[in-house]
C-alpha atoms as a PDB file:
ATOM      1  CA  MET A   1     111.502  91.382 118.442  1.00  0.00           C
ATOM      2  CA  TYR A   2     109.126  94.025 118.808  1.00  0.00           C
ATOM      3  CA  LEU A   3     111.725  96.788 119.130  1.00  0.00           C
ATOM      4  CA  PHE A   4     113.486  95.590 116.097  1.00  0.00           C
ATOM      5  CA  GLU A   5     110.145  95.541 113.917  1.00  0.00           C
ATOM      6  CA  GLN A   6     109.673  99.031 115.368  1.00  0.00           C
ATOM      7  CA  VAL A   7     112.880  99.993 113.869  1.00  0.00           C
ATOM      8  CA  VAL A   8     111.868  98.840 110.443  1.00  0.00           C
ATOM      9  CA  ASP A   9     108.479 100.305 110.560  1.00  0.00           C
ATOM     10  CA  GLU A  10     109.773 103.802 111.640  1.00  0.00           C
ATOM     11  CA  MET A  11     112.247 103.713 108.691  1.00  0.00           C
ATOM     12  CA  GLU A  12     109.492 102.811 106.329  1.00  0.00           C
ATOM     13  CA  GLN A  13     107.253 105.587 107.723  1.00  0.00           C
ATOM     14  CA  LYS A  14     110.066 108.039 107.450  1.00  0.00           C
ATOM     15  CA  LEU A  15     110.778 107.036 103.790  1.00  0.00           C
ATOM     16  CA  TYR A  16     107.192 106.990 102.918  1.00  0.00           C
ATOM     17  CA  ALA A  17     106.856 110.654 104.104  1.00  0.00           C
ATOM     18  CA  LEU A  18     110.059 111.729 102.350  1.00  0.00           C
ATOM     19  CA  GLU A  19     108.594 110.387  99.010  1.00  0.00           C
ATOM     20  CA  ASP A  20     105.755 112.932  98.575  1.00  0.00           C
ATOM     21  CA  GLN A  21     108.072 115.880  99.260  1.00  0.00           C
ATOM     22  CA  ASN A  22     108.956 118.033  96.293  1.00  0.00           C
ATOM     23  CA  GLN A  23     112.630 117.860  95.889  1.00  0.00           C
ATOM     24  CA  ASP A  24     115.280 116.797  93.300  1.00  0.00           C
ATOM     25  CA  LEU A  25     116.504 113.249  93.131  1.00  0.00           C
ATOM     26  CA  VAL A  26     119.930 113.837  94.590  1.00  0.00           C
ATOM     27  CA  SER A  27     118.566 115.391  97.589  1.00  0.00           C
ATOM     28  CA  TYR A  28     115.951 112.724  98.019  1.00  0.00           C
ATOM     29  CA  TYR A  29     118.402 109.955  97.686  1.00  0.00           C
ATOM     30  CA  ARG A  30     120.716 111.713 100.148  1.00  0.00           C
ATOM     31  CA  LYS A  31     118.019 111.817 102.703  1.00  0.00           C
ATOM     32  CA  ALA A  32     116.958 108.246 102.009  1.00  0.00           C
ATOM     33  CA  ILE A  33     120.485 107.046 102.714  1.00  0.00           C
ATOM     34  CA  ALA A  34     120.592 109.047 105.886  1.00  0.00           C
ATOM     35  CA  ILE A  35     117.343 107.558 107.227  1.00  0.00           C
ATOM     36  CA  SER A  36     118.210 103.814 106.261  1.00  0.00           C
ATOM     37  CA  SER A  37     121.773 104.272 107.577  1.00  0.00           C
ATOM     38  CA  GLN A  38     120.413 105.655 110.921  1.00  0.00           C
ATOM     39  CA  SER A  39     117.932 102.732 111.045  1.00  0.00           C
ATOM     40  CA  LEU A  40     120.621 100.245 110.596  1.00  0.00           C
ATOM     41  CA  SER A  41     122.802 101.875 113.353  1.00  0.00           C
ATOM     42  CA  ASP A  42     119.538 101.833 115.615  1.00  0.00           C
ATOM     43  CA  LEU A  43     119.033  98.202 114.879  1.00  0.00           C
ATOM     44  CA  LYS A  44     122.817  97.341 115.800  1.00  0.00           C
ATOM     45  CA  ALA A  45     122.331  99.228 118.973  1.00  0.00           C
ATOM     46  CA  ILE A  46     119.380  97.337 119.977  1.00  0.00           C
ATOM     47  CA  LYS A  47     120.971  94.042 119.091  1.00  0.00           C
ATOM     48  CA  GLN A  48     124.026  94.799 121.312  1.00  0.00           C
ATOM     49  CA  LEU A  49     121.751  95.010 124.435  1.00  0.00           C
ATOM     50  CA  GLY A  50     121.196  91.057 124.497  1.00  0.00           C
ATOM     51  CA  LYS A  51     121.323  87.768 122.829  1.00  0.00           C
ATOM     52  CA  PHE A  52     118.361  85.796 121.089  1.00  0.00           C
ATOM     53  CA  ASN A  53     116.734  83.411 123.375  1.00  0.00           C
ATOM     54  CA  THR A  54     115.775  81.218 120.312  1.00  0.00           C
ATOM     55  CA  SER A  55     117.376  80.304 117.021  1.00  0.00           C
ATOM     56  CA  GLU A  56     114.009  81.394 115.372  1.00  0.00           C
ATOM     57  CA  LYS A  57     114.210  84.691 116.544  1.00  0.00           C
ATOM     58  CA  GLU A  58     117.794  84.805 115.351  1.00  0.00           C
ATOM     59  CA  ILE A  59     117.047  83.573 111.945  1.00  0.00           C
ATOM     60  CA  ILE A  60     114.175  86.187 111.712  1.00  0.00           C
ATOM     61  CA  PHE A  61     116.447  89.101 112.539  1.00  0.00           C
ATOM     62  CA  PHE A  62     118.973  88.040 109.868  1.00  0.00           C
ATOM     63  CA  LYS A  63     116.830  86.881 107.314  1.00  0.00           C
ATOM     64  CA  LYS A  64     113.933  89.429 107.486  1.00  0.00           C
ATOM     65  CA  LEU A  65     114.663  92.457 109.674  1.00  0.00           C
ATOM     66  CA  LYS A  66     118.160  93.384 109.053  1.00  0.00           C
ATOM     67  CA  PRO A  67     118.003  92.811 105.276  1.00  0.00           C
ATOM     68  CA  ALA A  68     114.923  94.893 105.124  1.00  0.00           C
ATOM     69  CA  ILE A  69     116.780  97.917 106.125  1.00  0.00           C
ATOM     70  CA  LEU A  70     120.177  96.994 104.745  1.00  0.00           C
ATOM     71  CA  SER A  71     118.631  96.395 101.309  1.00  0.00           C
ATOM     72  CA  ARG A  72     117.225 100.067 101.476  1.00  0.00           C
ATOM     73  CA  LEU A  73     120.738 101.516 102.163  1.00  0.00           C
ATOM     74  CA  ILE A  74     122.256  99.686  99.467  1.00  0.00           C
ATOM     75  CA  TYR A  75     119.368 100.484  97.170  1.00  0.00           C
ATOM     76  CA  PHE A  76     119.376 104.345  97.700  1.00  0.00           C
ATOM     77  CA  THR A  77     123.226 104.410  97.763  1.00  0.00           C
ATOM     78  CA  ASN A  78     123.380 102.757  94.369  1.00  0.00           C
ATOM     79  CA  LEU A  79     120.534 105.088  93.006  1.00  0.00           C
ATOM     80  CA  TYR A  80     122.598 108.169  94.360  1.00  0.00           C
ATOM     81  CA  ASN A  81     125.558 106.909  92.462  1.00  0.00           C
ATOM     82  CA  ILE A  82     123.691 106.265  89.450  1.00  0.00           C
ATOM     83  CA  GLU A  83     122.266 109.742  89.293  1.00  0.00           C
ATOM     84  CA  ILE A  84     125.297 111.922  90.058  1.00  0.00           C
ATOM     85  CA  SER A  85     127.147 109.893  87.384  1.00  0.00           C
ATOM     86  CA  LYS A  86     124.399 109.718  84.814  1.00  0.00           C
ATOM     87  CA  PRO A  87     125.388 111.330  81.403  1.00  0.00           C
ATOM     88  CA  ILE A  88     123.365 114.502  80.442  1.00  0.00           C
ATOM     89  CA  THR A  89     124.354 114.612  76.987  1.00  0.00           C
ATOM     90  CA  SER A  90     121.467 112.545  75.128  1.00  0.00           C
ATOM     91  CA  SER A  91     118.950 109.877  75.785  1.00  0.00           C
ATOM     92  CA  GLY A  92     120.999 107.247  73.801  1.00  0.00           C
ATOM     93  CA  LYS A  93     123.897 107.667  76.047  1.00  0.00           C
ATOM     94  CA  ILE A  94     121.801 107.528  79.160  1.00  0.00           C
ATOM     95  CA  ILE A  95     120.159 104.290  77.848  1.00  0.00           C
ATOM     96  CA  LYS A  96     123.669 102.718  77.224  1.00  0.00           C
ATOM     97  CA  TYR A  97     124.580 103.902  80.848  1.00  0.00           C
ATOM     98  CA  CYS A  98     121.504 102.147  82.260  1.00  0.00           C
ATOM     99  CA  LYS A  99     122.256  98.930  80.260  1.00  0.00           C
ATOM    100  CA  ARG A 100     125.772  98.751  81.587  1.00  0.00           C
ATOM    101  CA  LYS A 101     124.413  99.049  85.199  1.00  0.00           C
ATOM    102  CA  ILE A 102     121.741  96.520  84.476  1.00  0.00           C
ATOM    103  CA  GLU A 103     124.452  94.064  83.148  1.00  0.00           C
ATOM    104  CA  LYS A 104     126.516  94.753  86.495  1.00  0.00           C
ATOM    105  CA  TYR A 105     123.571  93.858  88.657  1.00  0.00           C
ATOM    106  CA  GLN A 106     122.275  91.069  86.654  1.00  0.00           C
ATOM    107  CA  GLN A 107     125.685  89.460  86.731  1.00  0.00           C
ATOM    108  CA  TYR A 108     125.915  89.652  90.513  1.00  0.00           C
ATOM    109  CA  ILE A 109     122.326  87.943  90.809  1.00  0.00           C
ATOM    110  CA  ASP A 110     123.648  85.202  88.213  1.00  0.00           C
ATOM    111  CA  ASP A 111     126.732  84.641  90.254  1.00  0.00           C
ATOM    112  CA  ASN A 112     124.652  83.960  93.191  1.00  0.00           C
ATOM    113  CA  ILE A 113     121.684  82.241  91.643  1.00  0.00           C
ATOM    114  CA  GLU A 114     121.355  79.187  93.579  1.00  0.00           C
ATOM    115  CA  PHE A 115     120.856  81.335  96.804  1.00  0.00           C
ATOM    116  CA  TYR A 116     118.604  83.719  94.995  1.00  0.00           C
ATOM    117  CA  LYS A 117     116.457  80.734  93.894  1.00  0.00           C
ATOM    118  CA  TYR A 118     116.669  79.551  97.707  1.00  0.00           C
ATOM    119  CA  ILE A 119     115.243  82.776  98.863  1.00  0.00           C
ATOM    120  CA  LYS A 120     112.660  83.186  96.027  1.00  0.00           C
ATOM    121  CA  THR A 121     111.232  79.521  96.570  1.00  0.00           C
ATOM    122  CA  GLY A 122     110.820  80.097 100.235  1.00  0.00           C
ATOM    123  CA  ASN A 123     113.257  77.390 101.241  1.00  0.00           C
ATOM    124  CA  LYS A 124     114.253  77.071 104.874  1.00  0.00           C
ATOM    125  CA  LYS A 125     116.469  74.108 104.674  1.00  0.00           C
ATOM    126  CA  PHE A 126     119.889  75.769 105.384  1.00  0.00           C
ATOM    127  CA  ASP A 127     118.737  78.874 107.372  1.00  0.00           C
ATOM    128  CA  GLN A 128     120.452  77.507 110.408  1.00  0.00           C
ATOM    129  CA  ILE A 129     123.705  77.880 108.448  1.00  0.00           C
ATOM    130  CA  TYR A 130     123.002  80.994 106.516  1.00  0.00           C
ATOM    131  CA  PHE A 131     121.378  83.267 109.080  1.00  0.00           C
ATOM    132  CA  ARG A 132     123.034  82.240 112.398  1.00  0.00           C
ATOM    133  CA  HIS A 133     126.531  83.759 113.124  1.00  0.00           C
ATOM    134  CA  SER A 134     126.920  81.017 115.875  1.00  0.00           C
ATOM    135  CA  LYS A 135     126.774  78.303 112.901  1.00  0.00           C
ATOM    136  CA  LEU A 136     129.367  80.059 110.930  1.00  0.00           C
ATOM    137  CA  ASP A 137     130.967  77.841 108.188  1.00  0.00           C
ATOM    138  CA  LEU A 138     133.364  79.596 105.997  1.00  0.00           C
ATOM    139  CA  LYS A 139     132.825  77.503 102.905  1.00  0.00           C
ATOM    140  CA  TYR A 140     129.272  78.913 102.850  1.00  0.00           C
ATOM    141  CA  TYR A 141     130.450  82.468 103.292  1.00  0.00           C
ATOM    142  CA  PRO A 142     130.461  84.483 100.062  1.00  0.00           C
ATOM    143  CA  GLU A 143     131.500  88.091 101.720  1.00  0.00           C
ATOM    144  CA  MET A 144     133.708  87.146 104.706  1.00  0.00           C
ATOM    145  CA  TYR A 145     134.964  90.861 105.397  1.00  0.00           C
ATOM    146  CA  ASN A 146     131.567  91.568 106.786  1.00  0.00           C
ATOM    147  CA  TYR A 147     131.770  88.898 109.492  1.00  0.00           C
ATOM    148  CA  TYR A 148     135.478  89.870 110.197  1.00  0.00           C
ATOM    149  CA  SER A 149     134.408  93.413 110.677  1.00  0.00           C
ATOM    150  CA  ASP A 150     131.662  92.730 113.106  1.00  0.00           C
ATOM    151  CA  PRO A 151     130.965  89.073 113.654  1.00  0.00           C
ATOM    152  CA  ASP A 152     128.155  89.712 116.162  1.00  0.00           C
ATOM    153  CA  PHE A 153     126.064  91.653 113.655  1.00  0.00           C
ATOM    154  CA  ASN A 154     126.681  89.646 110.500  1.00  0.00           C
ATOM    155  CA  THR A 155     125.921  86.036 109.364  1.00  0.00           C
ATOM    156  CA  THR A 156     127.173  84.245 106.395  1.00  0.00           C
ATOM    157  CA  HIS A 157     124.385  85.379 104.069  1.00  0.00           C
ATOM    158  CA  ASP A 158     122.407  88.390 105.504  1.00  0.00           C
ATOM    159  CA  THR A 159     124.360  90.950 103.538  1.00  0.00           C
ATOM    160  CA  LEU A 160     124.219  88.876 100.425  1.00  0.00           C
ATOM    161  CA  LEU A 161     120.467  88.586 100.751  1.00  0.00           C
ATOM    162  CA  ALA A 162     120.129  92.449 101.116  1.00  0.00           C
ATOM    163  CA  THR A 163     122.309  93.107  98.206  1.00  0.00           C
ATOM    164  CA  LEU A 164     120.167  90.648  95.996  1.00  0.00           C
ATOM    165  CA  LEU A 165     116.952  92.520  97.121  1.00  0.00           C
ATOM    166  CA  ALA A 166     118.463  96.020  96.438  1.00  0.00           C
ATOM    167  CA  TYR A 167     119.799  94.879  93.169  1.00  0.00           C
ATOM    168  CA  GLU A 168     116.372  93.222  91.973  1.00  0.00           C
ATOM    169  CA  LYS A 169     114.572  96.462  92.750  1.00  0.00           C
ATOM    170  CA  LEU A 170     117.426  98.462  90.787  1.00  0.00           C
ATOM    171  CA  LEU A 171     116.881  96.227  87.717  1.00  0.00           C
ATOM    172  CA  THR A 172     113.258  97.035  87.555  1.00  0.00           C
ATOM    173  CA  ASP A 173     113.892 100.848  87.985  1.00  0.00           C
ATOM    174  CA  LEU A 174     116.571 100.877  85.386  1.00  0.00           C
ATOM    175  CA  LYS A 175     114.459  98.887  82.908  1.00  0.00           C
ATOM    176  CA  ALA A 176     111.532 101.259  83.660  1.00  0.00           C
ATOM    177  CA  GLU A 177     113.778 104.237  82.938  1.00  0.00           C
ATOM    178  CA  ILE A 178     115.130 102.751  79.596  1.00  0.00           C
ATOM    179  CA  HIS A 179     111.431 102.304  78.498  1.00  0.00           C
ATOM    180  CA  SER A 180     110.559 105.708  79.413  1.00  0.00           C
ATOM    181  CA  LEU A 181     113.590 107.200  77.602  1.00  0.00           C
ATOM    182  CA  LYS A 182     112.712 105.033  74.446  1.00  0.00           C
ATOM    183  CA  ARG A 183     109.220 106.267  74.522  1.00  0.00           C
ATOM    184  CA  LYS A 184     110.223 109.929  74.805  1.00  0.00           C
ATOM    185  CA  SER A 185     112.687 109.529  71.878  1.00  0.00           C
ATOM    186  CA  THR A 186     109.990 108.051  69.608  1.00  0.00           C
ATOM    187  CA  LYS A 187     107.461 110.727  68.262  1.00  0.00           C
ATOM    188  CA  ASN A 188     104.023 110.198  66.844  1.00  0.00           C
ATOM    189  CA  THR A 189     103.765 106.559  67.515  1.00  0.00           C
ATOM    190  CA  GLY A 190     100.152 106.945  68.186  1.00  0.00           C
ATOM    191  CA  THR A 191     100.256 104.925  71.380  1.00  0.00           C
ATOM    192  CA  VAL A 192      98.676 105.887  74.767  1.00  0.00           C
ATOM    193  CA  LEU A 193     102.221 106.038  76.345  1.00  0.00           C
ATOM    194  CA  ASP A 194     102.904 109.086  74.178  1.00  0.00           C
ATOM    195  CA  LEU A 195     100.207 111.036  75.824  1.00  0.00           C
ATOM    196  CA  LYS A 196     101.281 113.502  78.382  1.00  0.00           C
ATOM    197  CA  MET A 197      99.262 112.487  81.433  1.00  0.00           C
ATOM    198  CA  GLU A 198     100.117 113.353  84.860  1.00  0.00           C
ATOM    199  CA  TRP A 199      98.564 111.682  87.944  1.00  0.00           C
ATOM    200  CA  LYS A 200      97.098 114.356  90.150  1.00  0.00           C
ATOM    201  CA  ALA A 201      95.767 112.315  93.143  1.00  0.00           C
ATOM    202  CA  ASN A 202      97.804 110.701  95.827  1.00  0.00           C
ATOM    203  CA  LYS A 203     100.259 108.028  95.063  1.00  0.00           C
ATOM    204  CA  ILE A 204      98.356 105.701  97.502  1.00  0.00           C
ATOM    205  CA  ASP A 205      95.293 106.206  95.190  1.00  0.00           C
ATOM    206  CA  LEU A 206      97.074 104.907  92.167  1.00  0.00           C
ATOM    207  CA  VAL A 207      98.336 101.906  94.381  1.00  0.00           C
ATOM    208  CA  GLU A 208      94.782 101.080  95.255  1.00  0.00           C
ATOM    209  CA  LEU A 209      93.740 101.241  91.744  1.00  0.00           C
ATOM    210  CA  ILE A 210      96.624  99.033  90.494  1.00  0.00           C
ATOM    211  CA  TYR A 211      95.976  96.257  93.123  1.00  0.00           C
ATOM    212  CA  ALA A 212      92.178  96.488  92.219  1.00  0.00           C
ATOM    213  CA  LEU A 213      92.945  95.875  88.503  1.00  0.00           C
ATOM    214  CA  HIS A 214      95.306  93.236  89.206  1.00  0.00           C
ATOM    215  CA  SER A 215      93.216  91.454  91.761  1.00  0.00           C
ATOM    216  CA  SER A 216      89.974  91.710  89.487  1.00  0.00           C
ATOM    217  CA  GLY A 217      91.445  89.776  86.502  1.00  0.00           C
ATOM    218  CA  ALA A 218      90.266  92.553  84.433  1.00  0.00           C
ATOM    219  CA  LEU A 219      93.821  92.475  82.543  1.00  0.00           C
ATOM    220  CA  GLY A 220      93.654  88.774  82.063  1.00  0.00           C
ATOM    221  CA  GLU A 221      94.019  85.844  84.638  1.00  0.00           C
ATOM    222  CA  ASN A 222      97.837  85.513  85.550  1.00  0.00           C
ATOM    223  CA  GLN A 223      98.578  87.491  82.282  1.00  0.00           C
ATOM    224  CA  ILE A 224     100.462  90.396  83.941  1.00  0.00           C
ATOM    225  CA  LYS A 225     102.525  90.535  86.927  1.00  0.00           C
ATOM    226  CA  LEU A 226     101.871  92.957  89.748  1.00  0.00           C
ATOM    227  CA  LYS A 227     105.154  94.895  89.356  1.00  0.00           C
ATOM    228  CA  ASP A 228     104.626  95.058  85.471  1.00  0.00           C
ATOM    229  CA  LEU A 229     101.318  96.692  86.072  1.00  0.00           C
ATOM    230  CA  ALA A 230     102.957  99.104  88.366  1.00  0.00           C
ATOM    231  CA  THR A 231     105.790  99.935  85.880  1.00  0.00           C
ATOM    232  CA  ALA A 232     103.232 100.511  83.345  1.00  0.00           C
ATOM    233  CA  CYS A 233     101.127 102.965  85.333  1.00  0.00           C
ATOM    234  CA  GLU A 234     104.304 104.931  86.434  1.00  0.00           C
ATOM    235  CA  LEU A 235     105.095 105.181  82.762  1.00  0.00           C
ATOM    236  CA  ILE A 236     101.478 106.321  81.715  1.00  0.00           C
ATOM    237  CA  PHE A 237     100.957 108.824  84.598  1.00  0.00           C
ATOM    238  CA  ASN A 238     104.556 110.117  84.700  1.00  0.00           C
ATOM    239  CA  ILE A 239     105.076 109.187  88.371  1.00  0.00           C
ATOM    240  CA  LYS A 240     107.203 107.181  90.668  1.00  0.00           C
ATOM    241  CA  LEU A 241     105.584 104.981  93.162  1.00  0.00           C
ATOM    242  CA  ASN A 242     108.668 103.340  94.848  1.00  0.00           C
ATOM    243  CA  ASP A 243     107.540 100.947  97.434  1.00  0.00           C
ATOM    244  CA  TYR A 244     103.952 100.144  96.273  1.00  0.00           C
ATOM    245  CA  SER A 245     103.703  97.090  98.398  1.00  0.00           C
ATOM    246  CA  ARG A 246     104.529  99.220 101.436  1.00  0.00           C
ATOM    247  CA  LYS A 247     101.606 101.536 100.460  1.00  0.00           C
ATOM    248  CA  PHE A 248      99.290  98.472  99.949  1.00  0.00           C
ATOM    249  CA  LEU A 249      99.939  97.631 103.596  1.00  0.00           C
ATOM    250  CA  GLU A 250      98.827 101.011 104.647  1.00  0.00           C
ATOM    251  CA  ILE A 251      95.665 100.565 102.655  1.00  0.00           C
ATOM    252  CA  ARG A 252      94.942  97.340 104.404  1.00  0.00           C
ATOM    253  CA  SER A 253      95.587  98.715 107.766  1.00  0.00           C
ATOM    254  CA  ARG A 254      92.733 101.420 107.279  1.00  0.00           C
ATOM    255  CA  THR A 255      90.070 101.151 109.862  1.00  0.00           C
ATOM    256  CA  SER A 256      87.443 103.447 108.141  1.00  0.00           C
ATOM    257  CA  GLY A 257      87.140 101.596 104.931  1.00  0.00           C
ATOM    258  CA  HIS A 258      89.861 100.086 102.723  1.00  0.00           C
ATOM    259  CA  THR A 259      88.889 101.265  99.260  1.00  0.00           C
ATOM    260  CA  LYS A 260      88.630 104.965  99.706  1.00  0.00           C
ATOM    261  CA  PHE A 261      89.899 105.920  96.256  1.00  0.00           C
ATOM    262  CA  LEU A 262      87.622 103.380  94.528  1.00  0.00           C
ATOM    263  CA  ASP A 263      84.666 104.697  96.496  1.00  0.00           C
ATOM    264  CA  ARG A 264      85.381 108.161  95.352  1.00  0.00           C
ATOM    265  CA  LEU A 265      85.675 107.012  91.758  1.00  0.00           C
ATOM    266  CA  LYS A 266      82.213 105.180  92.131  1.00  0.00           C
ATOM    267  CA  ASP A 267      80.724 108.279  93.671  1.00  0.00           C
ATOM    268  CA  ALA A 268      82.175 110.677  90.983  1.00  0.00           C
ATOM    269  CA  LEU A 269      80.811 108.328  88.156  1.00  0.00           C
ATOM    270  CA  GLU A 270      77.243 108.253  89.717  1.00  0.00           C
ATOM    271  CA  ASP A 271      77.319 111.931  90.257  1.00  0.00           C
ATOM    272  CA  LYS A 272      78.122 112.183  86.453  1.00  0.00           C
ATOM    273  CA  MET A 273      75.408 110.044  85.491  1.00  0.00           C
ATOM    274  CA  LYS A 274      72.893 111.975  87.788  1.00  0.00           C
ATOM    275  CA  GLN A 275      74.096 115.275  86.249  1.00  0.00           C
ATOM    276  CA  PHE A 276      73.431 113.822  82.749  1.00  0.00           C
ATOM    277  CA  ASP A 277      70.076 112.630  83.743  1.00  0.00           C
ATOM    278  CA  GLU A 278      69.064 115.900  85.021  1.00  0.00           C
ATOM    279  CA  TYR A 279      70.463 117.587  82.179  1.00  0.00           C
ATOM    280  CA  LYS A 280      68.190 115.463  79.832  1.00  0.00           C
ATOM    281  CA  THR A 281      65.067 116.537  81.575  1.00  0.00           C
ATOM    282  CA  LEU A 282      65.744 120.434  81.136  1.00  0.00           C
ATOM    283  CA  PRO A 283      63.565 122.283  78.607  1.00  0.00           C
ATOM    284  CA  ILE A 284      65.244 122.562  75.111  1.00  0.00           C
ATOM    285  CA  GLN A 285      66.232 126.105  74.316  1.00  0.00           C
ATOM    286  CA  SER A 286      67.186 127.398  70.823  1.00  0.00           C
ATOM    287  CA  ASN A 287      70.577 128.282  72.182  1.00  0.00           C
ATOM    288  CA  ASP A 288      70.989 124.785  73.591  1.00  0.00           C
ATOM    289  CA  SER A 289      73.463 122.547  71.969  1.00  0.00           C
ATOM    290  CA  ARG A 290      70.929 119.810  71.998  1.00  0.00           C
ATOM    291  CA  TYR A 291      68.717 121.908  69.881  1.00  0.00           C
ATOM    292  CA  ARG A 292      71.195 122.309  67.276  1.00  0.00           C
ATOM    293  CA  LEU A 293      71.928 118.404  67.309  1.00  0.00           C
ATOM    294  CA  ILE A 294      68.204 117.831  66.795  1.00  0.00           C
ATOM    295  CA  GLU A 295      67.984 120.471  64.186  1.00  0.00           C
ATOM    296  CA  ASN A 296      70.788 118.971  62.248  1.00  0.00           C
ATOM    297  CA  TYR A 297      69.474 115.657  62.412  1.00  0.00           C
ATOM    298  CA  LEU A 298      66.148 116.731  61.137  1.00  0.00           C
ATOM    299  CA  LYS A 299      67.776 118.274  58.109  1.00  0.00           C
ATOM    300  CA  LYS A 300      69.637 115.148  57.351  1.00  0.00           C
ATOM    301  CA  SER A 301      66.594 113.185  57.705  1.00  0.00           C
ATOM    302  CA  ASP A 302      64.567 115.411  55.499  1.00  0.00           C
ATOM    303  CA  LYS A 303      67.054 114.851  52.593  1.00  0.00           C
ATOM    304  CA  LYS A 304      66.624 111.227  53.006  1.00  0.00           C
ATOM    305  CA  ASN A 305      62.879 111.314  53.272  1.00  0.00           C
ATOM    306  CA  ARG A 306      63.007 109.720  56.631  1.00  0.00           C
ATOM    307  CA  LYS A 307      60.933 110.534  59.604  1.00  0.00           C
ATOM    308  CA  LEU A 308      62.293 111.274  63.172  1.00  0.00           C
END
């Protein structure tokens, strides 16, 4: 299984590197499609070299590894098509366009809701049927054309699973875009989301902060989902995090300390406090801002017959 896992890991690393490059969305999606498509071809080539020696390995391949790559291909292909077909006339039309896409993807999930629940609840009862091509039963097969086109590389439900995973992520992205467009079209609401803030640190630093806030309970115990917190930070800081869970895995794999960004925040705050303490001990000069503050305070105190 190591070779299969290596293909998935290499794809994620390439997509991760691609994410931080300065480029327009269409170019980014094209390159992401090429990376995920090549990874799927590599996975298939390795699969053709031999057969699985256990049913457990076969299930892992078709339930975990292949969908991890195929879902990326479906996800980026849909994003590309959404971007090139998106209206450019007004925010209102873009919002309507996004809502139509949301209805489409949600309908697909609703049509397959029982299998969606099966996956989300971690059920394994029918894995032998869903994720082993040797156990093919056509009454369980939702998209038979995949099996007929290549029966050695498809099971009854691996493509369905990959599609559901991709559509779930697309729904999150589209809802976030609608939220962002509505925020931009509303002027002077006085909320923090109206401030033009831009995240200048690395994306992985923001992911570290998001996970720290979520795990600390600072926002209320079980009051906000991780993905909702990530979406809110994307909106506030005008940034796109994409696969933040993958970045969290990279944070966990660090060997020289896991919380690099949080450590820098702590050091920066302590330095600021130290500077303030040093500033307070300096002699007060007549041109010092502190001198003017004290002078104004004394004037006000004299008027009210108060002593400093």
